[in-house]
Amino acid sequence: HGSGPPLVFAHGLGGGFLSWWQQVPHFRKRFSCVVFSHR
């Protein structure tokens, strides 16, 4: 999400790619936000 330098978020044991729903809208303004679910 977004554009700019890459910023990658790695979630905790209780989470997934959706964990960062309060971060992506903020940081996507100046970073390419990468979220993923661990295997």
Full PDB file with SEQRES, HELIX, SHEET, SSBOND, CRYST1, ORIGX, SCALE, CONECT and MASTER records, all heavy atoms in Angstrom:
SEQRES   1 A   39  HIS GLY SER GLY PRO PRO LEU VAL PHE ALA HIS GLY LEU          
SEQRES   2 A   39  GLY GLY GLY PHE LEU SER TRP TRP GLN GLN VAL PRO HIS          
SEQRES   3 A   39  PHE ARG LYS ARG PHE SER CYS VAL VAL PHE SER HIS ARG          
HELIX    1 AA1 PHE A   17  TRP A   20  5                                   4    
HELIX    2 AA2 VAL A   24  PHE A   27  1                                   4    
SHEET    1 AA1 2 PRO A   6  PHE A   9  0                                        
SHEET    2 AA1 2 SER A  32  VAL A  35  1                                        
CRYST1    1.000    1.000    1.000  90.00  90.00  90.00 P 1           1          
ORIGX1      1.000000  0.000000  0.000000        0.00000                         
ORIGX2      0.000000  1.000000  0.000000        0.00000                         
ORIGX3      0.000000  0.000000  1.000000        0.00000                         
SCALE1      1.000000  0.000000  0.000000        0.00000                         
SCALE2      0.000000  1.000000  0.000000        0.00000                         
SCALE3      0.000000  0.000000  1.000000        0.00000                         
ATOM      1  N   HIS A   1       0.841  -1.201   0.000  1.00  0.00           N  
ATOM      2  CA  HIS A   1       0.000   0.000   0.000  1.00  0.00           C  
ATOM      3  C   HIS A   1       0.874   1.248   0.000  1.00  0.00           C  
ATOM      4  O   HIS A   1       1.863   1.315   0.714  1.00  0.00           O  
ATOM      5  CB  HIS A   1      -0.903   0.035   1.239  1.00  0.00           C  
ATOM      6  CG  HIS A   1      -1.818  -1.135   1.363  1.00  0.00           C  
ATOM      7  ND1 HIS A   1      -3.058  -1.176   0.784  1.00  0.00           N  
ATOM      8  CD2 HIS A   1      -1.662  -2.323   2.009  1.00  0.00           C  
ATOM      9  CE1 HIS A   1      -3.644  -2.340   1.061  1.00  0.00           C  
ATOM     10  NE2 HIS A   1      -2.817  -3.050   1.802  1.00  0.00           N  
ATOM     11  N   GLY A   2       0.476   2.238  -0.795  1.00  0.00           N  
ATOM     12  CA  GLY A   2       1.183   3.504  -0.807  1.00  0.00           C  
ATOM     13  C   GLY A   2       2.365   3.487  -1.755  1.00  0.00           C  
ATOM     14  O   GLY A   2       2.551   2.577  -2.570  1.00  0.00           O  
ATOM     15  N   SER A   3       3.192   4.522  -1.642  1.00  0.00           N  
ATOM     16  CA  SER A   3       4.378   4.630  -2.482  1.00  0.00           C  
ATOM     17  C   SER A   3       5.484   5.317  -1.697  1.00  0.00           C  
ATOM     18  O   SER A   3       5.232   6.043  -0.734  1.00  0.00           O  
ATOM     19  CB  SER A   3       4.070   5.425  -3.748  1.00  0.00           C  
ATOM     20  OG  SER A   3       3.640   6.739  -3.429  1.00  0.00           O  
ATOM     21  N   GLY A   4       6.715   5.061  -2.106  1.00  0.00           N  
ATOM     22  CA  GLY A   4       7.866   5.617  -1.419  1.00  0.00           C  
ATOM     23  C   GLY A   4       8.790   4.508  -0.967  1.00  0.00           C  
ATOM     24  O   GLY A   4       8.674   3.351  -1.404  1.00  0.00           O  
ATOM     25  N   PRO A   5       9.721   4.797  -0.060  1.00  0.00           N  
ATOM     26  CA  PRO A   5      10.649   3.778   0.434  1.00  0.00           C  
ATOM     27  C   PRO A   5       9.884   2.636   1.106  1.00  0.00           C  
ATOM     28  O   PRO A   5       8.858   2.861   1.757  1.00  0.00           O  
ATOM     29  CB  PRO A   5      11.505   4.544   1.452  1.00  0.00           C  
ATOM     30  CG  PRO A   5      11.351   5.983   1.092  1.00  0.00           C  
ATOM     31  CD  PRO A   5       9.981   6.124   0.533  1.00  0.00           C  
ATOM     32  N   PRO A   6      10.357   1.408   0.971  1.00  0.00           N  
ATOM     33  CA  PRO A   6       9.624   0.266   1.530  1.00  0.00           C  
ATOM     34  C   PRO A   6       9.703   0.197   3.052  1.00  0.00           C  
ATOM     35  O   PRO A   6      10.766   0.360   3.656  1.00  0.00           O  
ATOM     36  CB  PRO A   6      10.307  -0.941   0.886  1.00  0.00           C  
ATOM     37  CG  PRO A   6      11.645  -0.455   0.472  1.00  0.00           C  
ATOM     38  CD  PRO A   6      11.505   0.994   0.154  1.00  0.00           C  
ATOM     39  N   LEU A   7       8.549  -0.048   3.653  1.00  0.00           N  
ATOM     40  CA  LEU A   7       8.401  -0.211   5.096  1.00  0.00           C  
ATOM     41  C   LEU A   7       7.612  -1.495   5.321  1.00  0.00           C  
ATOM     42  O   LEU A   7       6.443  -1.587   4.928  1.00  0.00           O  
ATOM     43  CB  LEU A   7       7.676   0.991   5.692  1.00  0.00           C  
ATOM     44  CG  LEU A   7       7.324   0.962   7.179  1.00  0.00           C  
ATOM     45  CD1 LEU A   7       8.570   0.853   8.042  1.00  0.00           C  
ATOM     46  CD2 LEU A   7       6.513   2.206   7.564  1.00  0.00           C  
ATOM     47  N   VAL A   8       8.245  -2.480   5.933  1.00  0.00           N  
ATOM     48  CA  VAL A   8       7.649  -3.810   6.085  1.00  0.00           C  
ATOM     49  C   VAL A   8       7.239  -4.042   7.529  1.00  0.00           C  
ATOM     50  O   VAL A   8       8.017  -3.786   8.458  1.00  0.00           O  
ATOM     51  CB  VAL A   8       8.643  -4.900   5.632  1.00  0.00           C  
ATOM     52  CG1 VAL A   8       8.056  -6.296   5.880  1.00  0.00           C  
ATOM     53  CG2 VAL A   8       9.000  -4.729   4.164  1.00  0.00           C  
ATOM     54  N   PHE A   9       6.021  -4.551   7.713  1.00  0.00           N  
ATOM     55  CA  PHE A   9       5.478  -4.845   9.041  1.00  0.00           C  
ATOM     56  C   PHE A   9       5.329  -6.359   9.198  1.00  0.00           C  
ATOM     57  O   PHE A   9       4.705  -7.016   8.372  1.00  0.00           O  
ATOM     58  CB  PHE A   9       4.105  -4.195   9.216  1.00  0.00           C  
ATOM     59  CG  PHE A   9       4.116  -2.693   9.173  1.00  0.00           C  
ATOM     60  CD1 PHE A   9       3.971  -2.019   7.966  1.00  0.00           C  
ATOM     61  CD2 PHE A   9       4.267  -1.953  10.330  1.00  0.00           C  
ATOM     62  CE1 PHE A   9       3.968  -0.629   7.919  1.00  0.00           C  
ATOM     63  CE2 PHE A   9       4.276  -0.566  10.296  1.00  0.00           C  
ATOM     64  CZ  PHE A   9       4.124   0.095   9.090  1.00  0.00           C  
ATOM     65  N   ALA A  10       5.880  -6.905  10.289  1.00  0.00           N  
ATOM     66  CA  ALA A  10       5.787  -8.335  10.576  1.00  0.00           C  
ATOM     67  C   ALA A  10       5.003  -8.533  11.871  1.00  0.00           C  
ATOM     68  O   ALA A  10       5.394  -8.041  12.926  1.00  0.00           O  
ATOM     69  CB  ALA A  10       7.186  -8.946  10.693  1.00  0.00           C  
ATOM     70  N   HIS A  11       3.909  -9.263  11.793  1.00  0.00           N  
ATOM     71  CA  HIS A  11       2.954  -9.375  12.894  1.00  0.00           C  
ATOM     72  C   HIS A  11       3.393 -10.363  13.965  1.00  0.00           C  
ATOM     73  O   HIS A  11       4.316 -11.166  13.783  1.00  0.00           O  
ATOM     74  CB  HIS A  11       1.581  -9.789  12.352  1.00  0.00           C  
ATOM     75  CG  HIS A  11       1.572 -11.179  11.753  1.00  0.00           C  
ATOM     76  ND1 HIS A  11       1.405 -12.312  12.511  1.00  0.00           N  
ATOM     77  CD2 HIS A  11       1.688 -11.608  10.464  1.00  0.00           C  
ATOM     78  CE1 HIS A  11       1.403 -13.382  11.722  1.00  0.00           C  
ATOM     79  NE2 HIS A  11       1.597 -12.982  10.475  1.00  0.00           N  
ATOM     80  N   GLY A  12       2.676 -10.324  15.080  1.00  0.00           N  
ATOM     81  CA  GLY A  12       2.932 -11.207  16.200  1.00  0.00           C  
ATOM     82  C   GLY A  12       2.119 -12.486  16.143  1.00  0.00           C  
ATOM     83  O   GLY A  12       1.369 -12.737  15.188  1.00  0.00           O  
ATOM     84  N   LEU A  13       2.242 -13.285  17.199  1.00  0.00           N  
ATOM     85  CA  LEU A  13       1.618 -14.605  17.243  1.00  0.00           C  
ATOM     86  C   LEU A  13       0.099 -14.527  17.163  1.00  0.00           C  
ATOM     87  O   LEU A  13      -0.544 -15.431  16.628  1.00  0.00           O  
ATOM     88  CB  LEU A  13       2.038 -15.315  18.543  1.00  0.00           C  
ATOM     89  CG  LEU A  13       1.579 -16.751  18.739  1.00  0.00           C  
ATOM     90  CD1 LEU A  13       2.166 -17.661  17.672  1.00  0.00           C  
ATOM     91  CD2 LEU A  13       1.979 -17.251  20.131  1.00  0.00           C  
ATOM     92  N   GLY A  14      -0.486 -13.455  17.667  1.00  0.00           N  
ATOM     93  CA  GLY A  14      -1.938 -13.335  17.655  1.00  0.00           C  
ATOM     94  C   GLY A  14      -2.472 -12.586  16.452  1.00  0.00           C  
ATOM     95  O   GLY A  14      -3.647 -12.200  16.440  1.00  0.00           O  
ATOM     96  N   GLY A  15      -1.640 -12.363  15.431  1.00  0.00           N  
ATOM     97  CA  GLY A  15      -2.060 -11.492  14.338  1.00  0.00           C  
ATOM     98  C   GLY A  15      -1.947 -12.102  12.964  1.00  0.00           C  
ATOM     99  O   GLY A  15      -1.925 -13.314  12.768  1.00  0.00           O  
ATOM    100  N   GLY A  16      -1.878 -11.211  11.990  1.00  0.00           N  
ATOM    101  CA  GLY A  16      -1.781 -11.557  10.577  1.00  0.00           C  
ATOM    102  C   GLY A  16      -1.596 -10.265   9.816  1.00  0.00           C  
ATOM    103  O   GLY A  16      -1.330  -9.209  10.412  1.00  0.00           O  
ATOM    104  N   PHE A  17      -1.795 -10.318   8.524  1.00  0.00           N  
ATOM    105  CA  PHE A  17      -1.595  -9.110   7.725  1.00  0.00           C  
ATOM    106  C   PHE A  17      -2.547  -7.986   8.134  1.00  0.00           C  
ATOM    107  O   PHE A  17      -2.245  -6.809   7.968  1.00  0.00           O  
ATOM    108  CB  PHE A  17      -1.737  -9.427   6.229  1.00  0.00           C  
ATOM    109  CG  PHE A  17      -3.151  -9.600   5.760  1.00  0.00           C  
ATOM    110  CD1 PHE A  17      -3.826  -8.543   5.153  1.00  0.00           C  
ATOM    111  CD2 PHE A  17      -3.818 -10.808   5.905  1.00  0.00           C  
ATOM    112  CE1 PHE A  17      -5.136  -8.691   4.715  1.00  0.00           C  
ATOM    113  CE2 PHE A  17      -5.118 -10.971   5.464  1.00  0.00           C  
ATOM    114  CZ  PHE A  17      -5.790  -9.905   4.866  1.00  0.00           C  
ATOM    115  N   LEU A  18      -3.693  -8.340   8.711  1.00  0.00           N  
ATOM    116  CA  LEU A  18      -4.671  -7.340   9.125  1.00  0.00           C  
ATOM    117  C   LEU A  18      -4.272  -6.593  10.400  1.00  0.00           C  
ATOM    118  O   LEU A  18      -4.878  -5.579  10.735  1.00  0.00           O  
ATOM    119  CB  LEU A  18      -6.031  -8.007   9.359  1.00  0.00           C  
ATOM    120  CG  LEU A  18      -6.818  -8.421   8.115  1.00  0.00           C  
ATOM    121  CD1 LEU A  18      -8.020  -9.266   8.516  1.00  0.00           C  
ATOM    122  CD2 LEU A  18      -7.268  -7.189   7.337  1.00  0.00           C  
ATOM    123  N   SER A  19      -3.238  -7.085  11.079  1.00  0.00           N  
ATOM    124  CA  SER A  19      -2.834  -6.464  12.344  1.00  0.00           C  
ATOM    125  C   SER A  19      -2.561  -4.975  12.205  1.00  0.00           C  
ATOM    126  O   SER A  19      -2.765  -4.207  13.146  1.00  0.00           O  
ATOM    127  CB  SER A  19      -1.565  -7.144  12.882  1.00  0.00           C  
ATOM    128  OG  SER A  19      -1.800  -8.475  13.235  1.00  0.00           O  
ATOM    129  N   TRP A  20      -2.131  -4.577  11.019  1.00  0.00           N  
ATOM    130  CA  TRP A  20      -1.592  -3.232  10.841  1.00  0.00           C  
ATOM    131  C   TRP A  20      -2.607  -2.248  10.256  1.00  0.00           C  
ATOM    132  O   TRP A  20      -2.228  -1.260   9.619  1.00  0.00           O  
ATOM    133  CB  TRP A  20      -0.346  -3.323   9.965  1.00  0.00           C  
ATOM    134  CG  TRP A  20       0.632  -4.307  10.503  1.00  0.00           C  
ATOM    135  CD1 TRP A  20       0.884  -5.572  10.031  1.00  0.00           C  
ATOM    136  CD2 TRP A  20       1.476  -4.134  11.633  1.00  0.00           C  
ATOM    137  NE1 TRP A  20       1.834  -6.193  10.809  1.00  0.00           N  
ATOM    138  CE2 TRP A  20       2.218  -5.328  11.802  1.00  0.00           C  
ATOM    139  CE3 TRP A  20       1.680  -3.078  12.532  1.00  0.00           C  
ATOM    140  CZ2 TRP A  20       3.145  -5.498  12.823  1.00  0.00           C  
ATOM    141  CZ3 TRP A  20       2.603  -3.250  13.551  1.00  0.00           C  
ATOM    142  CH2 TRP A  20       3.324  -4.447  13.686  1.00  0.00           C  
ATOM    143  N   TRP A  21      -3.881  -2.477  10.511  1.00  0.00           N  
ATOM    144  CA  TRP A  21      -4.935  -1.640   9.923  1.00  0.00           C  
ATOM    145  C   TRP A  21      -4.885  -0.200  10.451  1.00  0.00           C  
ATOM    146  O   TRP A  21      -5.402   0.714   9.799  1.00  0.00           O  
ATOM    147  CB  TRP A  21      -6.308  -2.255  10.188  1.00  0.00           C  
ATOM    148  CG  TRP A  21      -6.692  -2.390  11.629  1.00  0.00           C  
ATOM    149  CD1 TRP A  21      -6.286  -3.344  12.496  1.00  0.00           C  
ATOM    150  CD2 TRP A  21      -7.562  -1.538  12.376  1.00  0.00           C  
ATOM    151  NE1 TRP A  21      -6.846  -3.157  13.734  1.00  0.00           N  
ATOM    152  CE2 TRP A  21      -7.639  -2.060  13.696  1.00  0.00           C  
ATOM    153  CE3 TRP A  21      -8.296  -0.402  12.059  1.00  0.00           C  
ATOM    154  CZ2 TRP A  21      -8.409  -1.470  14.684  1.00  0.00           C  
ATOM    155  CZ3 TRP A  21      -9.076   0.185  13.064  1.00  0.00           C  
ATOM    156  CH2 TRP A  21      -9.122  -0.344  14.347  1.00  0.00           C  
ATOM    157  N   GLN A  22      -4.233   0.004  11.592  1.00  0.00           N  
ATOM    158  CA  GLN A  22      -4.111   1.365  12.128  1.00  0.00           C  
ATOM    159  C   GLN A  22      -2.771   2.014  11.755  1.00  0.00           C  
ATOM    160  O   GLN A  22      -2.562   3.191  12.051  1.00  0.00           O  
ATOM    161  CB  GLN A  22      -4.258   1.337  13.651  1.00  0.00           C  
ATOM    162  CG  GLN A  22      -5.627   0.827  14.106  1.00  0.00           C  
ATOM    163  CD  GLN A  22      -5.734   0.772  15.606  1.00  0.00           C  
ATOM    164  OE1 GLN A  22      -6.296   1.676  16.247  1.00  0.00           O  
ATOM    165  NE2 GLN A  22      -5.205  -0.281  16.204  1.00  0.00           N  
ATOM    166  N   GLN A  23      -1.892   1.244  11.129  1.00  0.00           N  
ATOM    167  CA  GLN A  23      -0.608   1.783  10.697  1.00  0.00           C  
ATOM    168  C   GLN A  23      -0.590   2.091   9.194  1.00  0.00           C  
ATOM    169  O   GLN A  23      -0.066   3.129   8.786  1.00  0.00           O  
ATOM    170  CB  GLN A  23       0.523   0.797  11.025  1.00  0.00           C  
ATOM    171  CG  GLN A  23       0.982   0.812  12.466  1.00  0.00           C  
ATOM    172  CD  GLN A  23      -0.072   0.331  13.445  1.00  0.00           C  
ATOM    173  OE1 GLN A  23      -0.588  -0.773  13.299  1.00  0.00           O  
ATOM    174  NE2 GLN A  23      -0.410   1.141  14.442  1.00  0.00           N  
ATOM    175  N   VAL A  24      -1.129   1.204   8.383  1.00  0.00           N  
ATOM    176  CA  VAL A  24      -1.049   1.375   6.933  1.00  0.00           C  
ATOM    177  C   VAL A  24      -1.635   2.706   6.467  1.00  0.00           C  
ATOM    178  O   VAL A  24      -0.989   3.422   5.684  1.00  0.00           O  
ATOM    179  CB  VAL A  24      -1.712   0.188   6.203  1.00  0.00           C  
ATOM    180  CG1 VAL A  24      -1.887   0.487   4.716  1.00  0.00           C  
ATOM    181  CG2 VAL A  24      -0.871  -1.073   6.391  1.00  0.00           C  
ATOM    182  N   PRO A  25      -2.838   3.106   6.909  1.00  0.00           N  
ATOM    183  CA  PRO A  25      -3.367   4.398   6.433  1.00  0.00           C  
ATOM    184  C   PRO A  25      -2.483   5.583   6.797  1.00  0.00           C  
ATOM    185  O   PRO A  25      -2.480   6.598   6.092  1.00  0.00           O  
ATOM    186  CB  PRO A  25      -4.731   4.493   7.128  1.00  0.00           C  
ATOM    187  CG  PRO A  25      -5.110   3.093   7.430  1.00  0.00           C  
ATOM    188  CD  PRO A  25      -3.810   2.403   7.763  1.00  0.00           C  
ATOM    189  N   HIS A  26      -1.741   5.463   7.881  1.00  0.00           N  
ATOM    190  CA  HIS A  26      -0.850   6.548   8.304  1.00  0.00           C  
ATOM    191  C   HIS A  26       0.438   6.560   7.486  1.00  0.00           C  
ATOM    192  O   HIS A  26       0.835   7.604   6.949  1.00  0.00           O  
ATOM    193  CB  HIS A  26      -0.523   6.399   9.789  1.00  0.00           C  
ATOM    194  CG  HIS A  26       0.472   7.377  10.303  1.00  0.00           C  
ATOM    195  ND1 HIS A  26       0.143   8.654  10.711  1.00  0.00           N  
ATOM    196  CD2 HIS A  26       1.833   7.279  10.470  1.00  0.00           C  
ATOM    197  CE1 HIS A  26       1.216   9.297  11.100  1.00  0.00           C  
ATOM    198  NE2 HIS A  26       2.270   8.492  10.967  1.00  0.00           N  
ATOM    199  N   PHE A  27       1.097   5.408   7.387  1.00  0.00           N  
ATOM    200  CA  PHE A  27       2.423   5.363   6.779  1.00  0.00           C  
ATOM    201  C   PHE A  27       2.399   5.297   5.255  1.00  0.00           C  
ATOM    202  O   PHE A  27       3.416   5.593   4.618  1.00  0.00           O  
ATOM    203  CB  PHE A  27       3.212   4.186   7.348  1.00  0.00           C  
ATOM    204  CG  PHE A  27       3.652   4.386   8.768  1.00  0.00           C  
ATOM    205  CD1 PHE A  27       2.967   3.798   9.816  1.00  0.00           C  
ATOM    206  CD2 PHE A  27       4.745   5.184   9.064  1.00  0.00           C  
ATOM    207  CE1 PHE A  27       3.375   3.984  11.127  1.00  0.00           C  
ATOM    208  CE2 PHE A  27       5.158   5.385  10.369  1.00  0.00           C  
ATOM    209  CZ  PHE A  27       4.472   4.783  11.403  1.00  0.00           C  
ATOM    210  N   ARG A  28       1.272   4.918   4.674  1.00  0.00           N  
ATOM    211  CA  ARG A  28       1.222   4.815   3.216  1.00  0.00           C  
ATOM    212  C   ARG A  28       1.359   6.177   2.541  1.00  0.00           C  
ATOM    213  O   ARG A  28       1.598   6.245   1.330  1.00  0.00           O  
ATOM    214  CB  ARG A  28      -0.083   4.164   2.781  1.00  0.00           C  
ATOM    215  CG  ARG A  28      -1.336   4.991   3.042  1.00  0.00           C  
ATOM    216  CD  ARG A  28      -2.595   4.241   2.629  1.00  0.00           C  
ATOM    217  NE  ARG A  28      -2.623   3.965   1.216  1.00  0.00           N  
ATOM    218  CZ  ARG A  28      -3.527   3.187   0.617  1.00  0.00           C  
ATOM    219  NH1 ARG A  28      -4.459   2.583   1.345  1.00  0.00           N  
ATOM    220  NH2 ARG A  28      -3.481   2.985  -0.677  1.00  0.00           N  
ATOM    221  N   LYS A  29       1.251   7.246   3.303  1.00  0.00           N  
ATOM    222  CA  LYS A  29       1.382   8.581   2.724  1.00  0.00           C  
ATOM    223  C   LYS A  29       2.795   8.859   2.241  1.00  0.00           C  
ATOM    224  O   LYS A  29       2.998   9.694   1.363  1.00  0.00           O  
ATOM    225  CB  LYS A  29       0.969   9.634   3.756  1.00  0.00           C  
ATOM    226  CG  LYS A  29      -0.471   9.503   4.230  1.00  0.00           C  
ATOM    227  CD  LYS A  29      -0.753  10.420   5.410  1.00  0.00           C  
ATOM    228  CE  LYS A  29      -2.153  10.200   5.977  1.00  0.00           C  
ATOM    229  NZ  LYS A  29      -2.399  11.022   7.195  1.00  0.00           N  
ATOM    230  N   ARG A  30       3.791   8.164   2.837  1.00  0.00           N  
ATOM    231  CA  ARG A  30       5.159   8.423   2.404  1.00  0.00           C  
ATOM    232  C   ARG A  30       6.021   7.177   2.288  1.00  0.00           C  
ATOM    233  O   ARG A  30       7.204   7.270   1.957  1.00  0.00           O  
ATOM    234  CB  ARG A  30       5.841   9.411   3.354  1.00  0.00           C  
ATOM    235  CG  ARG A  30       6.013   8.977   4.794  1.00  0.00           C  
ATOM    236  CD  ARG A  30       6.496  10.129   5.656  1.00  0.00           C  
ATOM    237  NE  ARG A  30       6.819   9.756   7.015  1.00  0.00           N  
ATOM    238  CZ  ARG A  30       8.056   9.718   7.510  1.00  0.00           C  
ATOM    239  NH1 ARG A  30       9.080  10.010   6.735  1.00  0.00           N  
ATOM    240  NH2 ARG A  30       8.275   9.399   8.772  1.00  0.00           N  
ATOM    241  N   PHE A  31       5.429   5.999   2.532  1.00  0.00           N  
ATOM    242  CA  PHE A  31       6.152   4.748   2.375  1.00  0.00           C  
ATOM    243  C   PHE A  31       5.332   3.754   1.561  1.00  0.00           C  
ATOM    244  O   PHE A  31       4.099   3.832   1.515  1.00  0.00           O  
ATOM    245  CB  PHE A  31       6.444   4.115   3.739  1.00  0.00           C  
ATOM    246  CG  PHE A  31       7.401   4.890   4.602  1.00  0.00           C  
ATOM    247  CD1 PHE A  31       6.941   5.700   5.632  1.00  0.00           C  
ATOM    248  CD2 PHE A  31       8.770   4.805   4.391  1.00  0.00           C  
ATOM    249  CE1 PHE A  31       7.815   6.413   6.434  1.00  0.00           C  
ATOM    250  CE2 PHE A  31       9.658   5.520   5.191  1.00  0.00           C  
ATOM    251  CZ  PHE A  31       9.185   6.326   6.207  1.00  0.00           C  
ATOM    252  N   SER A  32       6.019   2.819   0.946  1.00  0.00           N  
ATOM    253  CA  SER A  32       5.356   1.639   0.393  1.00  0.00           C  
ATOM    254  C   SER A  32       5.247   0.630   1.532  1.00  0.00           C  
ATOM    255  O   SER A  32       6.245   0.017   1.929  1.00  0.00           O  
ATOM    256  CB  SER A  32       6.166   1.042  -0.762  1.00  0.00           C  
ATOM    257  OG  SER A  32       6.202   1.910  -1.865  1.00  0.00           O  
ATOM    258  N   CYS A  33       4.050   0.499   2.080  1.00  0.00           N  
ATOM    259  CA  CYS A  33       3.836  -0.361   3.244  1.00  0.00           C  
ATOM    260  C   CYS A  33       3.580  -1.797   2.790  1.00  0.00           C  
ATOM    261  O   CYS A  33       2.647  -2.055   2.019  1.00  0.00           O  
ATOM    262  CB  CYS A  33       2.650   0.139   4.056  1.00  0.00           C  
ATOM    263  SG  CYS A  33       2.898   1.777   4.767  1.00  0.00           S  
ATOM    264  N   VAL A  34       4.398  -2.709   3.261  1.00  0.00           N  
ATOM    265  CA  VAL A  34       4.248  -4.123   2.939  1.00  0.00           C  
ATOM    266  C   VAL A  34       3.769  -4.846   4.191  1.00  0.00           C  
ATOM    267  O   VAL A  34       4.430  -4.803   5.232  1.00  0.00           O  
ATOM    268  CB  VAL A  34       5.572  -4.732   2.460  1.00  0.00           C  
ATOM    269  CG1 VAL A  34       5.393  -6.212   2.121  1.00  0.00           C  
ATOM    270  CG2 VAL A  34       6.121  -3.958   1.262  1.00  0.00           C  
ATOM    271  N   VAL A  35       2.610  -5.490   4.087  1.00  0.00           N  
ATOM    272  CA  VAL A  35       2.099  -6.322   5.176  1.00  0.00           C  
ATOM    273  C   VAL A  35       1.919  -7.735   4.636  1.00  0.00           C  
ATOM    274  O   VAL A  35       1.632  -7.925   3.454  1.00  0.00           O  
ATOM    275  CB  VAL A  35       0.776  -5.776   5.742  1.00  0.00           C  
ATOM    276  CG1 VAL A  35       0.976  -4.421   6.401  1.00  0.00           C  
ATOM    277  CG2 VAL A  35      -0.294  -5.667   4.663  1.00  0.00           C  
ATOM    278  N   PHE A  36       2.088  -8.713   5.492  1.00  0.00           N  
ATOM    279  CA  PHE A  36       1.984 -10.111   5.060  1.00  0.00           C  
ATOM    280  C   PHE A  36       1.582 -10.971   6.244  1.00  0.00           C  
ATOM    281  O   PHE A  36       1.658 -10.539   7.396  1.00  0.00           O  
ATOM    282  CB  PHE A  36       3.313 -10.599   4.469  1.00  0.00           C  
ATOM    283  CG  PHE A  36       4.420 -10.708   5.473  1.00  0.00           C  
ATOM    284  CD1 PHE A  36       4.745 -11.925   6.054  1.00  0.00           C  
ATOM    285  CD2 PHE A  36       5.162  -9.580   5.855  1.00  0.00           C  
ATOM    286  CE1 PHE A  36       5.769 -12.027   6.985  1.00  0.00           C  
ATOM    287  CE2 PHE A  36       6.190  -9.673   6.787  1.00  0.00           C  
ATOM    288  CZ  PHE A  36       6.494 -10.892   7.361  1.00  0.00           C  
ATOM    289  N   SER A  37       1.151 -12.173   5.949  1.00  0.00           N  
ATOM    290  CA  SER A  37       0.902 -13.165   6.999  1.00  0.00           C  
ATOM    291  C   SER A  37       2.023 -14.195   6.953  1.00  0.00           C  
ATOM    292  O   SER A  37       2.343 -14.734   5.887  1.00  0.00           O  
ATOM    293  CB  SER A  37      -0.447 -13.864   6.785  1.00  0.00           C  
ATOM    294  OG  SER A  37      -1.522 -12.998   7.077  1.00  0.00           O  
ATOM    295  N   HIS A  38       2.635 -14.421   8.116  1.00  0.00           N  
ATOM    296  CA  HIS A  38       3.670 -15.456   8.175  1.00  0.00           C  
ATOM    297  C   HIS A  38       3.103 -16.803   7.729  1.00  0.00           C  
ATOM    298  O   HIS A  38       1.892 -17.046   7.834  1.00  0.00           O  
ATOM    299  CB  HIS A  38       4.189 -15.607   9.610  1.00  0.00           C  
ATOM    300  CG  HIS A  38       5.060 -14.489  10.077  1.00  0.00           C  
ATOM    301  ND1 HIS A  38       4.582 -13.412  10.786  1.00  0.00           N  
ATOM    302  CD2 HIS A  38       6.403 -14.282   9.949  1.00  0.00           C  
ATOM    303  CE1 HIS A  38       5.579 -12.591  11.079  1.00  0.00           C  
ATOM    304  NE2 HIS A  38       6.693 -13.092  10.582  1.00  0.00           N  
ATOM    305  N   ARG A  39       3.994 -17.654   7.244  1.00  0.00           N  
ATOM    306  CA  ARG A  39       3.532 -18.985   6.831  1.00  0.00           C  
ATOM    307  C   ARG A  39       2.807 -19.676   7.992  1.00  0.00           C  
ATOM    308  O   ARG A  39       3.207 -19.579   9.157  1.00  0.00           O  
ATOM    309  CB  ARG A  39       4.691 -19.852   6.342  1.00  0.00           C  
ATOM    310  CG  ARG A  39       5.679 -20.277   7.366  1.00  0.00           C  
ATOM    311  CD  ARG A  39       6.594 -21.383   6.838  1.00  0.00           C  
ATOM    312  NE  ARG A  39       7.294 -21.001   5.641  1.00  0.00           N  
ATOM    313  CZ  ARG A  39       7.502 -21.818   4.612  1.00  0.00           C  
ATOM    314  NH1 ARG A  39       7.053 -23.062   4.643  1.00  0.00           N  
ATOM    315  NH2 ARG A  39       8.166 -21.406   3.552  1.00  0.00           N  
TER     316      ARG A  39                                                      
MASTER        0    0    0    2    2    0    0    6  315    1    0    3          
END                                                                             
